[in-house]
Amino acid sequence: MRKGKIMNGGIIRFFKDFLKDEEGVFGAEYALLLCLITLMMSFGATVLGQEVKLYYSRVADYCSRLPRPYL
């Protein structure tokens, strides 16, 4: 897995490789990533005044398309 340098905008390359590399993704890291996505989207729903229930259905739809690690 090639990791880009964080300082030179390589964080995007790092996360692309992170999501593609099934051997490097552990259950805890995957769960933390999903929690972070959910928290950011629910915070955005609260700030924008949208229904949180609708936002969580969008989160579930988005998360169902993420690559899953082999455990």
C-alpha atoms as a PDB file:
ATOM      1  CA  MET A   1       0.000   0.000   0.000  1.00  0.00           C
ATOM      2  CA  ARG A   2       1.470   3.329  -1.055  1.00  0.00           C
ATOM      3  CA  LYS A   3       0.942   6.121   1.441  1.00  0.00           C
ATOM      4  CA  GLY A   4       1.161   9.688   0.191  1.00  0.00           C
ATOM      5  CA  LYS A   5       2.690  12.450   2.256  1.00  0.00           C
ATOM      6  CA  ILE A   6       0.092  14.190   4.393  1.00  0.00           C
ATOM      7  CA  MET A   7       1.734  17.612   3.983  1.00  0.00           C
ATOM      8  CA  ASN A   8       1.595  17.617   0.175  1.00  0.00           C
ATOM      9  CA  GLY A   9      -2.105  16.880  -0.209  1.00  0.00           C
ATOM     10  CA  GLY A  10      -1.431  13.146  -0.101  1.00  0.00           C
ATOM     11  CA  ILE A  11      -4.079  12.500   2.525  1.00  0.00           C
ATOM     12  CA  ILE A  12      -6.578  11.818  -0.263  1.00  0.00           C
ATOM     13  CA  ARG A  13      -4.213   9.268  -1.820  1.00  0.00           C
ATOM     14  CA  PHE A  14      -3.691   7.732   1.623  1.00  0.00           C
ATOM     15  CA  PHE A  15      -7.415   7.273   2.223  1.00  0.00           C
ATOM     16  CA  LYS A  16      -7.995   5.890  -1.266  1.00  0.00           C
ATOM     17  CA  ASP A  17      -5.314   3.281  -0.600  1.00  0.00           C
ATOM     18  CA  PHE A  18      -6.659   2.735   2.921  1.00  0.00           C
ATOM     19  CA  LEU A  19     -10.111   1.872   1.603  1.00  0.00           C
ATOM     20  CA  LYS A  20      -8.765  -0.360  -1.184  1.00  0.00           C
ATOM     21  CA  ASP A  21      -6.379  -2.366   0.996  1.00  0.00           C
ATOM     22  CA  GLU A  22      -8.508  -5.043   2.661  1.00  0.00           C
ATOM     23  CA  GLU A  23      -5.565  -6.421   4.628  1.00  0.00           C
ATOM     24  CA  GLY A  24      -4.821  -3.076   6.268  1.00  0.00           C
ATOM     25  CA  VAL A  25      -8.374  -2.289   7.286  1.00  0.00           C
ATOM     26  CA  PHE A  26      -9.276  -3.664  10.673  1.00  0.00           C
ATOM     27  CA  GLY A  27     -12.769  -3.738  12.150  1.00  0.00           C
ATOM     28  CA  ALA A  28     -12.065  -0.958  14.651  1.00  0.00           C
ATOM     29  CA  GLU A  29     -10.680   1.398  12.014  1.00  0.00           C
ATOM     30  CA  TYR A  30     -13.624   0.673   9.727  1.00  0.00           C
ATOM     31  CA  ALA A  31     -16.114   1.299  12.542  1.00  0.00           C
ATOM     32  CA  LEU A  32     -14.396   4.573  13.459  1.00  0.00           C
ATOM     33  CA  LEU A  33     -14.553   5.709   9.848  1.00  0.00           C
ATOM     34  CA  LEU A  34     -18.288   4.987   9.660  1.00  0.00           C
ATOM     35  CA  CYS A  35     -18.903   6.726  13.004  1.00  0.00           C
ATOM     36  CA  LEU A  36     -17.044   9.798  11.800  1.00  0.00           C
ATOM     37  CA  ILE A  37     -19.090   9.938   8.588  1.00  0.00           C
ATOM     38  CA  THR A  38     -22.328   9.515  10.550  1.00  0.00           C
ATOM     39  CA  LEU A  39     -21.447  12.204  13.086  1.00  0.00           C
ATOM     40  CA  MET A  40     -20.453  14.698  10.406  1.00  0.00           C
ATOM     41  CA  MET A  41     -23.637  14.122   8.430  1.00  0.00           C
ATOM     42  CA  SER A  42     -25.928  14.271  11.483  1.00  0.00           C
ATOM     43  CA  PHE A  43     -24.252  17.503  12.591  1.00  0.00           C
ATOM     44  CA  GLY A  44     -24.841  18.899   9.107  1.00  0.00           C
ATOM     45  CA  ALA A  45     -28.497  17.851   9.289  1.00  0.00           C
ATOM     46  CA  THR A  46     -28.927  19.602  12.633  1.00  0.00           C
ATOM     47  CA  VAL A  47     -27.256  22.788  11.429  1.00  0.00           C
ATOM     48  CA  LEU A  48     -29.236  22.877   8.205  1.00  0.00           C
ATOM     49  CA  GLY A  49     -32.501  22.129  10.007  1.00  0.00           C
ATOM     50  CA  GLN A  50     -33.287  19.009   8.031  1.00  0.00           C
ATOM     51  CA  GLU A  51     -34.907  15.917   9.445  1.00  0.00           C
ATOM     52  CA  VAL A  52     -32.306  13.756  11.124  1.00  0.00           C
ATOM     53  CA  LYS A  53     -34.258  10.615  10.198  1.00  0.00           C
ATOM     54  CA  LEU A  54     -33.922  11.444   6.496  1.00  0.00           C
ATOM     55  CA  TYR A  55     -30.235  12.155   6.953  1.00  0.00           C
ATOM     56  CA  TYR A  56     -29.628   8.839   8.701  1.00  0.00           C
ATOM     57  CA  SER A  57     -31.294   7.009   5.821  1.00  0.00           C
ATOM     58  CA  ARG A  58     -28.873   8.788   3.490  1.00  0.00           C
ATOM     59  CA  VAL A  59     -25.973   7.791   5.744  1.00  0.00           C
ATOM     60  CA  ALA A  60     -27.110   4.161   5.636  1.00  0.00           C
ATOM     61  CA  ASP A  61     -27.373   4.325   1.844  1.00  0.00           C
ATOM     62  CA  TYR A  62     -23.887   5.825   1.564  1.00  0.00           C
ATOM     63  CA  CYS A  63     -22.354   3.331   4.004  1.00  0.00           C
ATOM     64  CA  SER A  64     -23.878   0.395   2.146  1.00  0.00           C
ATOM     65  CA  ARG A  65     -21.774   1.363  -0.888  1.00  0.00           C
ATOM     66  CA  LEU A  66     -18.461   1.540   1.028  1.00  0.00           C
ATOM     67  CA  PRO A  67     -16.016  -1.310   0.531  1.00  0.00           C
ATOM     68  CA  ARG A  68     -16.151  -3.778   3.409  1.00  0.00           C
ATOM     69  CA  PRO A  69     -13.038  -5.347   4.895  1.00  0.00           C
ATOM     70  CA  TYR A  70     -12.553  -9.078   4.989  1.00  0.00           C
ATOM     71  CA  LEU A  71     -12.586 -10.063   8.654  1.00  0.00           C
END
